[in-house]
Amino acid sequence: MGARPVTAARLGLAIWGAALVAALPAAWAQTATACPPAGQAYERLIASDTEVAYRWDPAPLKVGQFFSADVIACRSPGPVTRIGVDATMPAHGHGMNYRPKAVEVAPGHYRFSGLMLHMPGRWQITVDLYDGTRLVRRLTRDLDLKP
């Protein structure tokens, strides 16, 4: 049995398939937002395949003061359709007394308001990246809040 001749339809399908495969990483990357450049007061949480930029307002954080947080998923191992932020005190076994409100600013960029760290001590800040209901990645940062 000999080789089948290459038709225009087969060639077009092959080119289309190759273009689709080449575009997939770019499509996934579009779910993340570019990290803000240095000098815009954003801090970073970084893992091998994930990077999140965040900043508090007002900064620095103070005990018993409401604050907001801008959180941007700059790089992740898959699509990010939602971001969650929480804070706990592992030594005390509790979290914040208030549930923050989240507003999507742009794909992969959320602004959280109504956050408050109500007592001094070591807090663990958690940023969760979700694809739908599936947790894609969890990043944490410890914060020692002085009285």
Protein backbone atom coordinates (compact mmCIF):
# COMPACT_ATOMS: atom_id res chain seq x y z
CA MET A 1 0.00 0.00 0.00
CA GLY A 2 1.49 3.33 -1.04
CA ALA A 3 1.51 6.68 0.67
CA ARG A 4 -1.66 8.72 0.39
CA PRO A 5 -1.32 11.89 -1.63
CA VAL A 6 -1.30 15.15 0.33
CA THR A 7 -4.41 17.08 -0.51
CA ALA A 8 -5.06 20.73 0.21
CA ALA A 9 -7.64 19.69 2.81
CA ARG A 10 -5.19 17.39 4.65
CA LEU A 11 -2.44 20.02 4.52
CA GLY A 12 -4.82 22.69 5.83
CA LEU A 13 -5.95 20.42 8.68
CA ALA A 14 -2.33 19.64 9.61
CA ILE A 15 -1.40 23.34 9.66
CA TRP A 16 -4.52 24.21 11.70
CA GLY A 17 -3.75 21.42 14.21
CA ALA A 18 -0.14 22.54 14.61
CA ALA A 19 -1.25 26.14 15.13
CA LEU A 20 -3.78 25.05 17.77
CA VAL A 21 -1.17 23.05 19.70
CA ALA A 22 1.27 25.97 19.52
CA ALA A 23 -1.40 28.39 20.76
CA LEU A 24 -2.46 26.39 23.83
CA PRO A 25 0.36 27.60 26.14
CA ALA A 26 -0.36 31.19 25.07
CA ALA A 27 -4.06 30.74 25.79
CA TRP A 28 -3.31 29.38 29.25
CA ALA A 29 -0.89 32.24 29.91
CA GLN A 30 -3.66 34.73 29.08
CA THR A 31 -5.55 33.58 32.17
CA ALA A 32 -2.81 35.15 34.28
CA THR A 33 -2.22 38.87 34.45
CA ALA A 34 1.23 40.36 33.98
CA CYS A 35 2.95 41.15 37.25
CA PRO A 36 3.21 44.85 38.03
CA PRO A 37 6.70 46.25 37.55
CA ALA A 38 8.98 46.84 40.53
CA GLY A 39 8.36 50.10 42.34
CA GLN A 40 4.58 49.81 42.58
CA ALA A 41 4.69 48.55 46.19
CA TYR A 42 3.66 44.98 45.30
CA GLU A 43 5.18 42.08 47.18
CA ARG A 44 5.48 38.58 45.70
CA LEU A 45 4.62 35.04 46.69
CA ILE A 46 6.60 32.67 44.46
CA ALA A 47 6.63 28.90 43.99
CA SER A 48 8.31 26.89 41.23
CA ASP A 49 5.37 27.26 38.82
CA THR A 50 3.36 30.08 40.38
CA GLU A 51 3.78 33.78 41.13
CA VAL A 52 1.33 36.10 42.86
CA ALA A 53 1.76 39.84 43.38
CA TYR A 54 -0.10 41.55 46.24
CA ARG A 55 -0.21 44.80 48.16
CA TRP A 56 -2.04 46.03 51.25
CA ASP A 57 -3.88 49.30 51.57
CA PRO A 58 -3.09 50.93 53.91
CA ALA A 59 0.39 49.63 54.52
CA PRO A 60 1.88 48.76 56.91
CA LEU A 61 -0.84 46.64 58.49
CA LYS A 62 -1.94 47.52 62.02
CA VAL A 63 -3.81 45.53 64.66
CA GLY A 64 -7.57 46.07 64.51
CA GLN A 65 -7.49 48.22 61.35
CA PHE A 66 -9.52 47.30 58.27
CA PHE A 67 -7.45 46.99 55.11
CA SER A 68 -7.80 45.90 51.52
CA ALA A 69 -5.58 43.77 49.30
CA ASP A 70 -4.92 43.78 45.57
CA VAL A 71 -3.93 40.26 44.47
CA ILE A 72 -2.74 39.37 40.98
CA ALA A 73 -2.07 35.85 39.69
CA CYS A 74 0.95 36.55 37.48
CA ARG A 75 1.90 32.96 36.69
CA SER A 76 0.18 29.66 37.46
CA PRO A 77 0.21 26.03 36.31
CA GLY A 78 -3.25 26.41 34.77
CA PRO A 79 -6.19 28.75 34.31
CA VAL A 80 -7.17 30.93 37.28
CA THR A 81 -10.87 31.80 37.38
CA ARG A 82 -11.02 32.87 41.02
CA ILE A 83 -8.68 33.94 43.83
CA GLY A 84 -9.29 33.57 47.55
CA VAL A 85 -7.51 35.24 50.47
CA ASP A 86 -7.64 34.25 54.14
CA ALA A 87 -5.62 34.77 57.32
CA THR A 88 -5.29 32.50 60.33
CA MET A 89 -3.36 32.43 63.59
CA PRO A 90 -2.06 28.84 63.72
CA ALA A 91 -0.93 29.14 67.36
CA HIS A 92 -4.43 30.18 68.41
CA GLY A 93 -6.46 27.99 66.03
CA HIS A 94 -8.59 30.81 64.63
CA GLY A 95 -8.79 33.18 61.72
CA MET A 96 -10.12 36.64 61.08
CA ASN A 97 -13.38 37.81 62.63
CA TYR A 98 -14.55 39.27 59.31
CA ARG A 99 -15.02 37.68 55.91
CA PRO A 100 -13.46 39.78 53.14
CA LYS A 101 -15.41 40.83 50.07
CA ALA A 102 -13.81 39.99 46.71
CA VAL A 103 -14.24 41.95 43.47
CA GLU A 104 -12.68 40.84 40.18
CA VAL A 105 -10.78 43.81 38.72
CA ALA A 106 -9.60 41.90 35.62
CA PRO A 107 -8.99 38.23 34.82
CA GLY A 108 -6.52 36.99 37.44
CA HIS A 109 -6.69 40.26 39.44
CA TYR A 110 -8.89 40.64 42.53
CA ARG A 111 -9.37 43.35 45.12
CA PHE A 112 -10.35 42.21 48.61
CA SER A 113 -11.86 44.60 51.14
CA GLY A 114 -12.94 44.21 54.74
CA LEU A 115 -9.85 42.35 55.93
CA MET A 116 -8.78 42.84 59.55
CA LEU A 117 -6.13 41.20 61.72
CA HIS A 118 -7.75 41.75 65.10
CA MET A 119 -4.86 40.81 67.41
CA PRO A 120 -1.05 40.94 67.48
CA GLY A 121 1.01 37.83 66.83
CA ARG A 122 1.92 35.49 63.99
CA TRP A 123 -0.63 35.36 61.20
CA GLN A 124 -0.51 33.09 58.18
CA ILE A 125 -1.81 34.74 55.01
CA THR A 126 -3.15 32.28 52.43
CA VAL A 127 -3.75 33.00 48.74
CA ASP A 128 -5.69 30.30 46.88
CA LEU A 129 -5.87 30.14 43.08
CA TYR A 130 -8.87 28.27 41.64
CA ASP A 131 -9.95 26.99 38.24
CA GLY A 132 -13.69 26.84 38.80
CA THR A 133 -14.04 24.93 42.08
CA ARG A 134 -10.68 23.13 41.73
CA LEU A 135 -7.83 24.48 43.84
CA VAL A 136 -4.91 25.04 41.45
CA ARG A 137 -2.35 26.32 43.96
CA ARG A 138 -2.12 27.58 47.55
CA LEU A 139 0.59 30.04 48.56
CA THR A 140 1.19 31.22 52.12
CA ARG A 141 3.13 33.90 53.89
CA ASP A 142 3.75 34.36 57.60
CA LEU A 143 3.28 37.81 59.03
CA ASP A 144 4.31 38.88 62.54
CA LEU A 145 1.92 41.66 63.51
CA LYS A 146 3.25 43.86 66.32
CA PRO A 147 0.94 45.62 68.82
